[in-house]
Every structure is written in C-alpha cells, then in structure tokens.
C-alpha cells in the first residue's frame, strides 16, 4: 500500500486529517491542483470530486476506517481531477499511489458489507 510514512497507524477522523493525507498523496504522486478534501454525508458513494472547485468529498462512513481504504478513495478521486473516465490511463494513474488498488476495492466492498450489517442499509 502506498501509505509509507504513516506506517498504517494514522487514524483519519477529521477533515484536517483527511486534508493532510490528500495533500500528501497529491504532492508525492501527482501534483495536481487540489483545493480541499473533506468528509461529507454520502451514502451511495465512497467519494466524489468537483472538477470545477477542485474539491474532494469522502463519505462520512469512512471516518476511522482502515487507512488503506481512505488512501484508496482519496487516490481514486485525486486521479479523477486529471482523468474523468475509468479507462486504462486512469487506472495507471491510480496505481502510482495505490499499486494494490484491486485489493483495496475488494476490501472496500467487504467494509461496506460489514458496516451495512451493523447499521442497516440506508
């Protein structure tokens, strides 16, 4: 996983934590214009981004989630600031910061199932 420097021990629970992590990923791997990253109440997606405002919104359901999952969602959205489609170029960009992105996607689905079982589906 690309979370070198955090040692997998960082717990991302606040917008400030999320902002710092997004900035670090972006500056280390992409250097794209990025204004902000915040948690947002989202139930149907894990993350979204605005190409117009250059902001990333991560689902509040990921507060305190394993770092690998937040790392992947942030990377996913940062890459959409450069490439809108989920084409080969896009996944190549994702793999720079998250080479294990295929496994992270599986882990995210498992995390969703686990949390839906606890909280009930919304």
Protein backbone atom coordinates (compact mmCIF):
# COMPACT_ATOMS: atom_id res chain seq x y z
CA UNK A 1 0.00 0.00 0.00
CA UNK A 2 1.22 3.47 -0.64
CA UNK A 3 0.89 4.73 2.91
CA UNK A 4 4.59 4.80 3.60
CA UNK A 5 5.37 7.50 6.12
CA UNK A 6 2.21 6.86 8.09
CA UNK A 7 3.09 3.27 8.96
CA UNK A 8 -0.56 2.26 8.82
CA UNK A 9 -1.12 3.76 12.28
CA UNK A 10 -2.79 7.01 11.26
CA UNK A 11 -6.49 7.19 12.05
CA UNK A 12 -8.31 9.65 9.84
CA UNK A 13 -11.27 11.01 11.79
CA UNK A 14 -11.40 14.72 10.94
CA UNK A 15 -11.44 16.96 7.91
CA UNK A 16 -7.99 18.22 8.91
CA UNK A 17 -6.61 14.66 8.93
CA UNK A 18 -8.24 13.97 5.56
CA UNK A 19 -6.95 17.22 4.08
CA UNK A 20 -3.38 16.48 5.20
CA UNK A 21 -3.48 12.96 3.79
CA UNK A 22 -4.93 14.13 0.46
CA UNK A 23 -2.28 16.83 0.22
CA UNK A 24 0.49 14.34 0.96
CA UNK A 25 -0.76 11.82 -1.63
CA UNK A 26 -1.23 14.52 -4.25
CA UNK A 27 2.13 16.19 -3.69
CA UNK A 28 4.01 12.89 -3.57
CA UNK A 29 2.46 11.26 -6.65
CA UNK A 30 0.50 13.72 -8.81
CA UNK A 31 1.00 17.42 -8.08
CA UNK A 32 -2.44 18.33 -9.45
CA UNK A 33 -4.37 21.46 -8.47
CA UNK A 34 -6.37 20.39 -5.40
CA UNK A 35 -8.23 22.87 -3.23
CA UNK A 36 -9.61 20.74 -0.41
CA UNK A 37 -10.70 17.32 0.83
CA UNK A 38 -13.45 16.92 3.40
CA UNK A 39 -15.77 14.31 4.83
CA UNK A 40 -19.31 14.69 3.52
CA UNK A 41 -22.56 12.89 4.27
CA UNK A 42 -22.72 10.42 1.37
CA UNK A 43 -24.45 7.06 1.44
CA UNK A 44 -24.39 5.95 -2.18
CA UNK A 45 -20.73 6.63 -2.97
CA UNK A 46 -17.41 6.50 -1.12
CA UNK A 47 -16.09 9.66 -2.68
CA UNK A 48 -16.75 12.33 -5.25
CA UNK A 49 -14.83 15.24 -6.66
CA UNK A 50 -15.64 18.51 -8.33
CA UNK A 51 -13.57 19.37 -11.36
CA UNK A 52 -14.83 22.95 -11.14
CA UNK A 53 -13.91 23.61 -7.49
CA UNK A 54 -11.08 21.01 -7.31
CA UNK A 55 -12.52 19.64 -4.06
CA UNK A 56 -12.81 16.04 -2.94
CA UNK A 57 -15.65 14.75 -0.78
CA UNK A 58 -15.21 11.47 1.08
CA UNK A 59 -18.13 9.65 2.67
CA UNK A 60 -18.52 10.20 6.39
CA UNK A 61 -18.86 6.39 6.62
CA UNK A 62 -15.07 6.19 6.20
CA UNK A 63 -14.20 8.21 9.32
CA UNK A 64 -11.92 5.96 11.34
CA UNK A 65 -11.81 3.31 8.58
CA UNK A 66 -8.57 1.43 7.84
CA UNK A 67 -6.02 3.79 6.33
CA UNK A 68 -5.72 1.67 3.16
CA UNK A 69 -9.37 2.33 2.32
CA UNK A 70 -9.18 6.08 2.81
CA UNK A 71 -5.88 6.16 0.92
CA UNK A 72 -7.52 4.36 -2.00
CA UNK A 73 -10.65 6.57 -2.07
CA UNK A 74 -8.56 9.75 -1.93
CA UNK A 75 -6.26 8.45 -4.66
CA UNK A 76 -9.28 7.45 -6.76
CA UNK A 77 -10.75 10.95 -6.53
CA UNK A 78 -7.45 12.79 -6.99
CA UNK A 79 -6.94 10.86 -10.22
CA UNK A 80 -10.37 11.96 -11.45
CA UNK A 81 -9.07 15.53 -11.29
CA UNK A 82 -6.77 14.51 -14.15
CA UNK A 83 -8.85 11.85 -15.95
CA UNK A 84 -12.66 11.65 -15.77
CA UNK A 85 -13.12 8.14 -17.17
CA UNK A 86 -12.22 4.81 -15.61
CA UNK A 87 -10.05 3.97 -18.61
CA UNK A 88 -6.58 2.42 -18.78
CA UNK A 89 -4.88 5.81 -18.36
CA UNK A 90 -6.94 6.46 -15.24
CA UNK A 91 -6.09 3.12 -13.59
CA UNK A 92 -2.42 3.66 -14.44
CA UNK A 93 -2.57 6.96 -12.53
CA UNK A 94 -4.27 5.25 -9.57
CA UNK A 95 -1.60 2.55 -9.48
CA UNK A 96 1.14 5.14 -8.88
CA UNK A 97 -0.07 5.92 -5.36
CA UNK A 98 -2.03 2.73 -4.79
CA UNK A 99 -0.41 -0.21 -6.61
CA UNK A 100 -2.68 -2.64 -4.73
CA UNK A 101 -5.85 -0.83 -5.81
CA UNK A 102 -7.60 -4.02 -6.95
CA UNK A 103 -7.32 -5.49 -3.46
CA UNK A 104 -8.33 -2.16 -1.91
CA UNK A 105 -11.53 -2.20 -3.97
CA UNK A 106 -12.32 -5.67 -2.62
CA UNK A 107 -11.56 -4.53 0.93
CA UNK A 108 -13.86 -1.53 0.47
CA UNK A 109 -16.72 -3.80 -0.60
CA UNK A 110 -16.13 -6.02 2.44
CA UNK A 111 -16.02 -2.95 4.69
CA UNK A 112 -19.35 -1.81 3.24
CA UNK A 113 -20.96 -5.19 3.84
CA UNK A 114 -19.66 -5.29 7.41
CA UNK A 115 -20.95 -1.80 8.16
CA UNK A 116 -24.31 -2.35 6.46
CA UNK A 117 -24.76 -5.41 8.67
CA UNK A 118 -24.07 -3.30 11.76
CA UNK A 119 -26.02 -0.15 10.86
CA UNK A 120 -28.58 -1.42 8.40
CA UNK A 121 -28.77 -0.30 4.80
CA UNK A 122 -29.69 3.36 4.18
